[in-house]
């Protein structure tokens, strides 16, 4: 068995028992609202197809690699990571694409547990501040979009224990009034949420393209959270866009618009 298959066979993530009962009614409501917002099942299917295309880019670029990752290939990946591409490029540029590529290869196929490999990845690239925190999002995107069936999406906008915020919070009944959210950030927790989502969607008779559909639902919930925040904050993060469907595409790294054309990367790290 190739080394990448060996690594993934060891990453059978056991879903954790969640400390909260999540609101299945809200998840189902979100699904119907998404269908309406994207003008029916075809519009939603088109978005899922774009996520599948993103996944194919990640697999083609990173799976079973034997040569060093080029700068062009690294840029292709990072452009599709919304939260990371605004912060991480100066650190990647300083480290060099070969070193970053080796770290990604180790993340996917290296020895040790998934948590150990994620930790090694975050330690492999020298970074500070927002760039250092963005390394978790890079690891999460690389894992999920290289193998969406095995790895849940574990970005900070899905859940960040440090700020007790993220899309998952929106499914917790009474979440606006709670002060303790002992979810943690383990892969098992994220997989527990994903199993709950899968079961809830099965009750609606939805079984196709579930890894990507669940990503879309999470992005929808997080976009609704952002819309409830101060409008100035929303404008700052999303370029003044009021169309939440484009905000969903942007969170997922498959948006169709570039504000000024050219690359989406922030190369100088300035905001």
Protein backbone atom coordinates (compact mmCIF):
# COMPACT_ATOMS: atom_id res chain seq x y z
CA UNK A 1 0.00 0.00 0.00
CA UNK A 2 1.45 3.46 -0.90
CA UNK A 3 2.59 5.60 2.03
CA UNK A 4 -0.24 8.13 1.60
CA UNK A 5 -2.82 5.35 1.77
CA UNK A 6 -1.12 3.95 4.86
CA UNK A 7 -1.28 7.33 6.56
CA UNK A 8 -4.93 7.81 5.75
CA UNK A 9 -5.89 4.28 6.77
CA UNK A 10 -4.53 5.17 10.22
CA UNK A 11 -6.61 8.36 10.27
CA UNK A 12 -9.99 6.75 10.81
CA UNK A 13 -11.32 9.51 13.03
CA UNK A 14 -13.67 8.28 15.74
CA UNK A 15 -16.45 10.85 16.25
CA UNK A 16 -16.51 12.29 19.75
CA UNK A 17 -19.63 12.50 21.86
CA UNK A 18 -20.50 16.19 21.85
CA UNK A 19 -21.11 18.04 25.14
CA UNK A 20 -24.21 19.70 23.65
CA UNK A 21 -27.29 18.56 21.78
CA UNK A 22 -27.20 20.45 18.49
CA UNK A 23 -30.28 21.87 16.79
CA UNK A 24 -31.19 19.57 13.90
CA UNK A 25 -34.18 21.76 13.07
CA UNK A 26 -31.85 24.70 12.41
CA UNK A 27 -29.63 22.59 10.18
CA UNK A 28 -32.61 21.46 8.10
CA UNK A 29 -33.86 25.06 7.91
CA UNK A 30 -30.41 26.11 6.69
CA UNK A 31 -30.51 23.52 3.93
CA UNK A 32 -33.83 24.79 2.60
CA UNK A 33 -32.72 28.41 2.88
CA UNK A 34 -29.58 27.58 0.89
CA UNK A 35 -31.64 25.94 -1.83
CA UNK A 36 -33.73 29.09 -2.07
CA UNK A 37 -30.73 31.43 -1.98
CA UNK A 38 -28.94 29.53 -4.73
CA UNK A 39 -32.17 29.36 -6.77
CA UNK A 40 -32.83 25.65 -6.38
CA UNK A 41 -30.88 22.44 -6.30
CA UNK A 42 -28.98 23.22 -9.50
CA UNK A 43 -27.46 26.39 -8.07
CA UNK A 44 -26.37 24.51 -4.97
CA UNK A 45 -25.03 21.70 -7.15
CA UNK A 46 -22.95 24.23 -9.10
CA UNK A 47 -21.35 25.44 -5.85
CA UNK A 48 -20.63 21.87 -4.78
CA UNK A 49 -19.06 21.24 -8.18
CA UNK A 50 -16.70 24.18 -7.60
CA UNK A 51 -15.70 22.65 -4.25
CA UNK A 52 -15.07 19.33 -5.98
CA UNK A 53 -12.87 21.17 -8.51
CA UNK A 54 -10.95 22.79 -5.64
CA UNK A 55 -10.47 19.37 -4.08
CA UNK A 56 -9.15 18.02 -7.39
CA UNK A 57 -6.57 20.83 -7.51
CA UNK A 58 -5.38 19.96 -4.00
CA UNK A 59 -5.19 16.23 -4.77
CA UNK A 60 -3.41 16.74 -8.09
CA UNK A 61 -0.92 19.12 -6.51
CA UNK A 62 -0.19 17.27 -3.28
CA UNK A 63 -1.04 13.58 -3.54
CA UNK A 64 1.88 11.12 -3.86
CA UNK A 65 4.37 13.89 -4.63
CA UNK A 66 8.00 13.02 -5.19
CA UNK A 67 9.28 16.41 -6.38
CA UNK A 68 9.44 19.70 -4.46
CA UNK A 69 6.43 21.98 -4.51
CA UNK A 70 7.03 24.94 -6.81
CA UNK A 71 6.20 28.51 -5.89
CA UNK A 72 3.54 28.59 -8.60
CA UNK A 73 1.90 25.44 -7.23
CA UNK A 74 2.00 26.80 -3.67
CA UNK A 75 0.40 30.03 -4.85
CA UNK A 76 -2.34 28.02 -6.58
CA UNK A 77 -3.17 26.32 -3.28
CA UNK A 78 -2.97 29.38 -1.03
CA UNK A 79 -5.17 31.47 -3.32
CA UNK A 80 -7.95 28.99 -2.51
CA UNK A 81 -7.59 29.41 1.29
CA UNK A 82 -9.55 32.53 2.18
CA UNK A 83 -8.58 33.03 5.83
CA UNK A 84 -4.94 32.07 5.25
CA UNK A 85 -4.18 33.85 1.99
CA UNK A 86 -4.56 37.26 3.64
CA UNK A 87 -1.87 36.49 6.21
CA UNK A 88 0.39 33.57 5.39
CA UNK A 89 2.24 34.35 2.15
CA UNK A 90 5.13 36.39 3.63
CA UNK A 91 5.93 33.47 5.99
CA UNK A 92 5.69 30.94 3.15
CA UNK A 93 7.78 33.15 0.89
CA UNK A 94 10.50 33.41 3.54
CA UNK A 95 10.49 29.66 4.20
CA UNK A 96 10.48 28.76 0.52
CA UNK A 97 8.04 26.59 -1.40
CA UNK A 98 10.23 23.47 -1.10
CA UNK A 99 10.18 23.60 2.72
CA UNK A 100 6.45 24.33 2.80
CA UNK A 101 5.81 21.50 0.35
CA UNK A 102 7.81 19.08 2.50
CA UNK A 103 5.77 20.14 5.54
CA UNK A 104 2.52 19.54 3.64
CA UNK A 105 3.77 16.13 2.52
CA UNK A 106 4.59 15.23 6.12
CA UNK A 107 1.16 16.47 7.20
CA UNK A 108 -0.51 14.12 4.73
CA UNK A 109 1.72 11.05 4.80
CA UNK A 110 4.20 11.41 7.65
CA UNK A 111 4.56 9.25 10.75
CA UNK A 112 2.61 9.70 13.94
CA UNK A 113 -0.98 10.55 14.72
CA UNK A 114 -3.00 13.16 12.88
CA UNK A 115 -2.70 15.56 15.82
CA UNK A 116 1.06 15.09 15.91
CA UNK A 117 1.36 15.76 12.18
CA UNK A 118 -0.79 18.87 12.43
CA UNK A 119 1.37 20.12 15.29
CA UNK A 120 4.56 19.46 13.32
CA UNK A 121 3.15 21.35 10.36
CA UNK A 122 2.39 24.40 12.50
CA UNK A 123 5.93 24.27 13.88
CA UNK A 124 7.63 23.71 10.52
CA UNK A 125 7.11 27.21 9.10
CA UNK A 126 8.45 30.13 11.15
CA UNK A 127 5.58 32.60 11.65
CA UNK A 128 4.25 34.96 14.28
CA UNK A 129 0.97 36.62 15.16
CA UNK A 130 -1.87 36.24 12.69
CA UNK A 131 0.32 34.32 10.27
CA UNK A 132 1.13 31.73 12.94
CA UNK A 133 -2.54 31.27 13.76
CA UNK A 134 -3.35 30.97 10.05
CA UNK A 135 -1.13 27.88 9.82
CA UNK A 136 -3.90 25.87 11.45
CA UNK A 137 -6.26 26.93 8.67
CA UNK A 138 -3.70 25.91 6.05
CA UNK A 139 -3.33 22.47 7.64
CA UNK A 140 -7.10 22.10 7.87
CA UNK A 141 -7.64 23.02 4.20
CA UNK A 142 -4.83 20.77 2.97
CA UNK A 143 -6.19 17.78 4.85
CA UNK A 144 -9.86 18.27 4.04
CA UNK A 145 -9.61 19.18 0.38
CA UNK A 146 -7.02 16.52 -0.36
CA UNK A 147 -9.28 13.87 1.20
CA UNK A 148 -12.74 15.27 2.10
CA UNK A 149 -14.17 11.88 3.00
CA UNK A 150 -11.54 11.22 5.69
CA UNK A 151 -10.96 14.67 7.18
CA UNK A 152 -13.62 17.10 8.38
CA UNK A 153 -13.03 20.79 7.73
CA UNK A 154 -11.24 22.01 10.89
CA UNK A 155 -10.64 25.69 10.12
CA UNK A 156 -11.00 28.34 12.81
CA UNK A 157 -14.17 29.72 11.28
CA UNK A 158 -15.77 26.30 11.78
CA UNK A 159 -14.67 26.36 15.44
CA UNK A 160 -12.03 28.26 17.40
CA UNK A 161 -11.88 27.25 21.05
CA UNK A 162 -9.66 30.22 21.88
CA UNK A 163 -12.32 32.73 20.86
CA UNK A 164 -15.27 30.34 21.45
CA UNK A 165 -16.61 31.28 18.05
CA UNK A 166 -17.36 29.61 14.76
CA UNK A 167 -20.14 28.04 12.73
CA UNK A 168 -20.64 25.20 15.20
CA UNK A 169 -21.75 27.63 17.89
CA UNK A 170 -24.70 28.64 15.73
CA UNK A 171 -26.15 25.12 16.09
CA UNK A 172 -25.98 25.11 19.91
CA UNK A 173 -29.40 25.90 21.41
CA UNK A 174 -29.09 28.97 23.63
CA UNK A 175 -25.55 29.54 22.43
CA UNK A 176 -25.90 33.32 22.75
CA UNK A 177 -26.40 32.95 26.51
CA UNK A 178 -23.86 30.26 27.35
CA UNK A 179 -20.43 31.10 28.75
CA UNK A 180 -18.79 27.66 28.68
CA UNK A 181 -18.17 25.81 25.41
CA UNK A 182 -16.04 22.74 26.25
CA UNK A 183 -15.81 21.56 22.64
CA UNK A 184 -12.05 21.65 22.24
CA UNK A 185 -10.44 21.43 18.82
CA UNK A 186 -9.76 17.73 18.41
CA UNK A 187 -10.35 16.02 15.06
CA UNK A 188 -12.76 13.74 16.92
CA UNK A 189 -14.92 16.73 17.90
CA UNK A 190 -15.09 18.02 14.33
CA UNK A 191 -15.95 14.52 13.12
CA UNK A 192 -18.65 14.25 15.79
CA UNK A 193 -20.27 17.39 14.39
CA UNK A 194 -19.97 16.02 10.87
CA UNK A 195 -21.64 12.73 11.81
CA UNK A 196 -24.48 14.69 13.43
CA UNK A 197 -24.88 16.77 10.28
CA UNK A 198 -24.83 13.67 8.08
CA UNK A 199 -27.54 12.00 10.18
CA UNK A 200 -29.69 15.14 10.14
CA UNK A 201 -29.43 15.45 6.36
CA UNK A 202 -30.26 11.77 5.95
CA UNK A 203 -33.60 12.51 7.61
CA UNK A 204 -34.26 14.84 4.67
CA UNK A 205 -33.29 12.13 2.20
CA UNK A 206 -30.03 13.91 1.31
CA UNK A 207 -27.12 11.54 0.74
CA UNK A 208 -25.07 12.91 -2.18
CA UNK A 209 -21.93 15.07 -2.01
CA UNK A 210 -22.21 15.26 1.76
CA UNK A 211 -18.65 16.40 2.61
CA UNK A 212 -19.03 19.46 0.37
CA UNK A 213 -22.67 20.11 1.26
CA UNK A 214 -21.78 20.14 4.95
CA UNK A 215 -19.01 22.65 4.20
CA UNK A 216 -21.58 24.88 2.50
CA UNK A 217 -24.00 24.66 5.43
CA UNK A 218 -21.25 25.55 7.89
CA UNK A 219 -20.19 28.49 5.73
CA UNK A 220 -23.82 29.63 5.52
CA UNK A 221 -24.18 29.61 9.28
CA UNK A 222 -20.94 31.49 9.76
CA UNK A 223 -21.97 34.06 7.16
CA UNK A 224 -25.20 34.61 9.08
CA UNK A 225 -23.19 35.12 12.27
CA UNK A 226 -21.02 37.70 10.51
CA UNK A 227 -24.07 39.49 9.17
CA UNK A 228 -25.32 39.82 12.73
CA UNK A 229 -22.07 41.50 13.75
CA UNK A 230 -21.29 45.15 13.18
CA UNK A 231 -21.58 46.02 9.50
CA UNK A 232 -18.18 47.69 9.53
CA UNK A 233 -16.51 44.44 10.58
CA UNK A 234 -18.35 42.59 7.84
CA UNK A 235 -17.27 45.15 5.28
CA UNK A 236 -13.66 44.91 6.43
CA UNK A 237 -13.47 41.12 6.06
CA UNK A 238 -15.55 40.74 2.92
CA UNK A 239 -14.80 43.81 0.87
CA UNK A 240 -18.17 45.44 1.44
CA UNK A 241 -20.13 42.62 -0.15
CA UNK A 242 -23.78 42.34 0.87
CA UNK A 243 -24.51 39.13 -1.08
CA UNK A 244 -24.10 36.37 1.50
CA UNK A 245 -23.95 33.72 -1.24
CA UNK A 246 -20.70 35.29 -2.43
CA UNK A 247 -19.52 35.44 1.19
CA UNK A 248 -20.09 31.67 1.38
CA UNK A 249 -18.06 31.15 -1.79
CA UNK A 250 -15.32 33.35 -0.38
CA UNK A 251 -15.12 31.49 2.93
CA UNK A 252 -14.80 28.25 0.99
CA UNK A 253 -12.18 29.68 -1.38
CA UNK A 254 -14.25 29.29 -4.55
CA UNK A 255 -15.51 32.83 -5.12
CA UNK A 256 -16.02 34.01 -8.65
CA UNK A 257 -15.00 37.67 -8.21
CA UNK A 258 -11.66 39.34 -7.65
CA UNK A 259 -12.01 42.90 -6.46
CA UNK A 260 -9.15 44.29 -8.55
CA UNK A 261 -8.20 41.30 -10.70
CA UNK A 262 -4.92 39.44 -10.50
CA UNK A 263 -3.77 37.37 -7.55
CA UNK A 264 -5.82 37.14 -4.37
CA UNK A 265 -2.73 36.79 -2.20
CA UNK A 266 -1.60 39.51 0.19
CA UNK A 267 2.10 39.29 -0.44
CA UNK A 268 3.29 42.01 1.93
CA UNK A 269 1.32 40.86 4.97
CA UNK A 270 -0.09 44.34 5.49
CA UNK A 271 -3.77 44.96 6.25
